[in-house]
Amino acid sequence: MRLRARLTFALVAAVAVLPAQAGRAGAAELPFDDGLFRRCISWMLSGEGGALIDNLCAANYALPSPSLFMCARKSLSGFDSAVDREVCAVIFDEQAKKARAGKVR
């Protein structure tokens, strides 16, 4: 369980720095008054209300899919079924592959 908590923390920390790493000046200049940005953050954290904006959120703000956050929450609170747990394991495995293949600056 400690490993899952660490992975969850690492995932959330990584997402927190994504906009800064995506060519933005830093957290002080994030577009919190931008309606689309607020919708993207809400969609990313809740998994709701993101119909047709997922591509915009990824392209404009480098935000990941809400499935990562839903799985992170479930890894801490428990899964509804073994299938649900396995789906999240696959999602995390795919993200780990992408992280290992990612460019190092």
Protein backbone atom coordinates (compact mmCIF):
# COMPACT_ATOMS: atom_id res chain seq x y z
CA MET A 1 0.00 0.00 0.00
CA ARG A 2 2.89 2.37 0.68
CA LEU A 3 4.08 1.90 -2.89
CA ARG A 4 0.66 2.85 -4.22
CA ALA A 5 0.58 5.95 -2.03
CA ARG A 6 4.02 6.93 -3.32
CA LEU A 7 2.98 6.32 -6.92
CA THR A 8 -0.16 8.37 -6.39
CA PHE A 9 1.85 11.22 -4.90
CA ALA A 10 4.39 11.01 -7.74
CA LEU A 11 1.61 11.09 -10.32
CA VAL A 12 -0.06 14.11 -8.78
CA ALA A 13 3.29 15.89 -8.41
CA ALA A 14 4.16 15.16 -12.02
CA VAL A 15 0.84 16.56 -13.22
CA ALA A 16 1.34 19.67 -11.12
CA VAL A 17 4.53 20.52 -13.01
CA LEU A 18 3.33 19.53 -16.48
CA PRO A 19 2.12 22.99 -17.49
CA ALA A 20 5.42 24.54 -16.41
CA GLN A 21 7.33 21.90 -18.33
CA ALA A 22 5.14 22.38 -21.39
CA GLY A 23 6.70 25.74 -22.21
CA ARG A 24 4.87 27.93 -19.73
CA ALA A 25 6.73 30.42 -17.55
CA GLY A 26 5.63 28.85 -14.28
CA ALA A 27 2.83 28.35 -11.80
CA ALA A 28 2.40 32.10 -11.24
CA GLU A 29 1.36 32.56 -14.86
CA LEU A 30 -1.04 29.64 -15.23
CA PRO A 31 -4.30 30.76 -16.82
CA PHE A 32 -6.62 30.22 -13.85
CA ASP A 33 -8.97 32.91 -15.15
CA ASP A 34 -9.21 31.07 -18.49
CA GLY A 35 -12.57 29.29 -18.57
CA LEU A 36 -11.28 26.40 -20.67
CA PHE A 37 -8.36 25.85 -18.30
CA ARG A 38 -10.73 25.72 -15.31
CA ARG A 39 -12.99 23.27 -17.17
CA CYS A 40 -9.97 21.13 -18.04
CA ILE A 41 -8.76 21.03 -14.43
CA SER A 42 -12.25 20.18 -13.21
CA TRP A 43 -12.59 17.46 -15.84
CA MET A 44 -9.14 16.07 -15.04
CA LEU A 45 -9.85 15.78 -11.30
CA SER A 46 -13.50 14.69 -11.41
CA GLY A 47 -13.77 12.86 -14.72
CA GLU A 48 -17.03 14.68 -15.44
CA GLY A 49 -17.98 17.46 -17.81
CA GLY A 50 -15.13 16.92 -20.24
CA ALA A 51 -17.02 15.81 -23.31
CA LEU A 52 -15.23 17.00 -26.43
CA ILE A 53 -12.55 18.94 -24.54
CA ASP A 54 -10.07 16.14 -23.84
CA ASN A 55 -8.02 16.92 -26.95
CA LEU A 56 -8.06 20.64 -26.20
CA CYS A 57 -6.92 20.04 -22.62
CA ALA A 58 -4.08 17.81 -23.76
CA ALA A 59 -2.98 20.12 -26.59
CA ASN A 60 -3.31 23.48 -24.83
CA TYR A 61 -2.35 22.62 -21.26
CA ALA A 62 -0.63 19.19 -21.40
CA LEU A 63 -3.17 17.78 -18.93
CA PRO A 64 -3.57 14.02 -18.61
CA SER A 65 -6.75 11.98 -18.76
CA PRO A 66 -8.97 11.83 -15.67
CA SER A 67 -8.56 8.04 -15.63
CA LEU A 68 -5.16 8.52 -13.98
CA PHE A 69 -6.69 10.42 -11.10
CA MET A 70 -9.67 8.09 -10.75
CA CYS A 71 -7.31 5.12 -10.56
CA ALA A 72 -5.06 6.91 -8.08
CA ARG A 73 -8.06 7.57 -5.83
CA LYS A 74 -9.25 3.99 -6.14
CA SER A 75 -5.79 2.67 -5.30
CA LEU A 76 -6.10 4.47 -1.97
CA SER A 77 -9.80 3.89 -1.26
CA GLY A 78 -10.32 0.47 -2.84
CA PHE A 79 -11.59 -0.90 -6.12
CA ASP A 80 -15.14 -1.96 -6.94
CA SER A 81 -13.97 -5.22 -8.50
CA ALA A 82 -10.92 -7.19 -9.56
CA VAL A 83 -11.58 -6.09 -13.15
CA ASP A 84 -11.63 -2.45 -12.06
CA ARG A 85 -8.29 -2.98 -10.30
CA GLU A 86 -6.77 -4.65 -13.37
CA VAL A 87 -7.92 -1.83 -15.67
CA CYS A 88 -6.16 0.67 -13.42
CA ALA A 89 -3.04 -1.49 -13.33
CA VAL A 90 -2.97 -1.48 -17.13
CA ILE A 91 -3.45 2.30 -17.21
CA PHE A 92 -0.56 2.82 -14.77
CA ASP A 93 1.63 0.35 -16.68
CA GLU A 94 1.03 2.28 -19.91
CA GLN A 95 1.85 5.59 -18.22
CA ALA A 96 5.02 4.09 -16.74
CA LYS A 97 6.09 2.98 -20.23
CA LYS A 98 5.49 6.50 -21.54
CA ALA A 99 7.47 7.98 -18.65
CA ARG A 100 10.41 5.67 -19.26
CA ALA A 101 10.39 6.50 -22.97
CA GLY A 102 10.01 10.23 -22.35
CA LYS A 103 12.58 12.78 -23.33
CA VAL A 104 15.04 13.92 -20.67
CA ARG A 105 16.11 17.54 -21.04
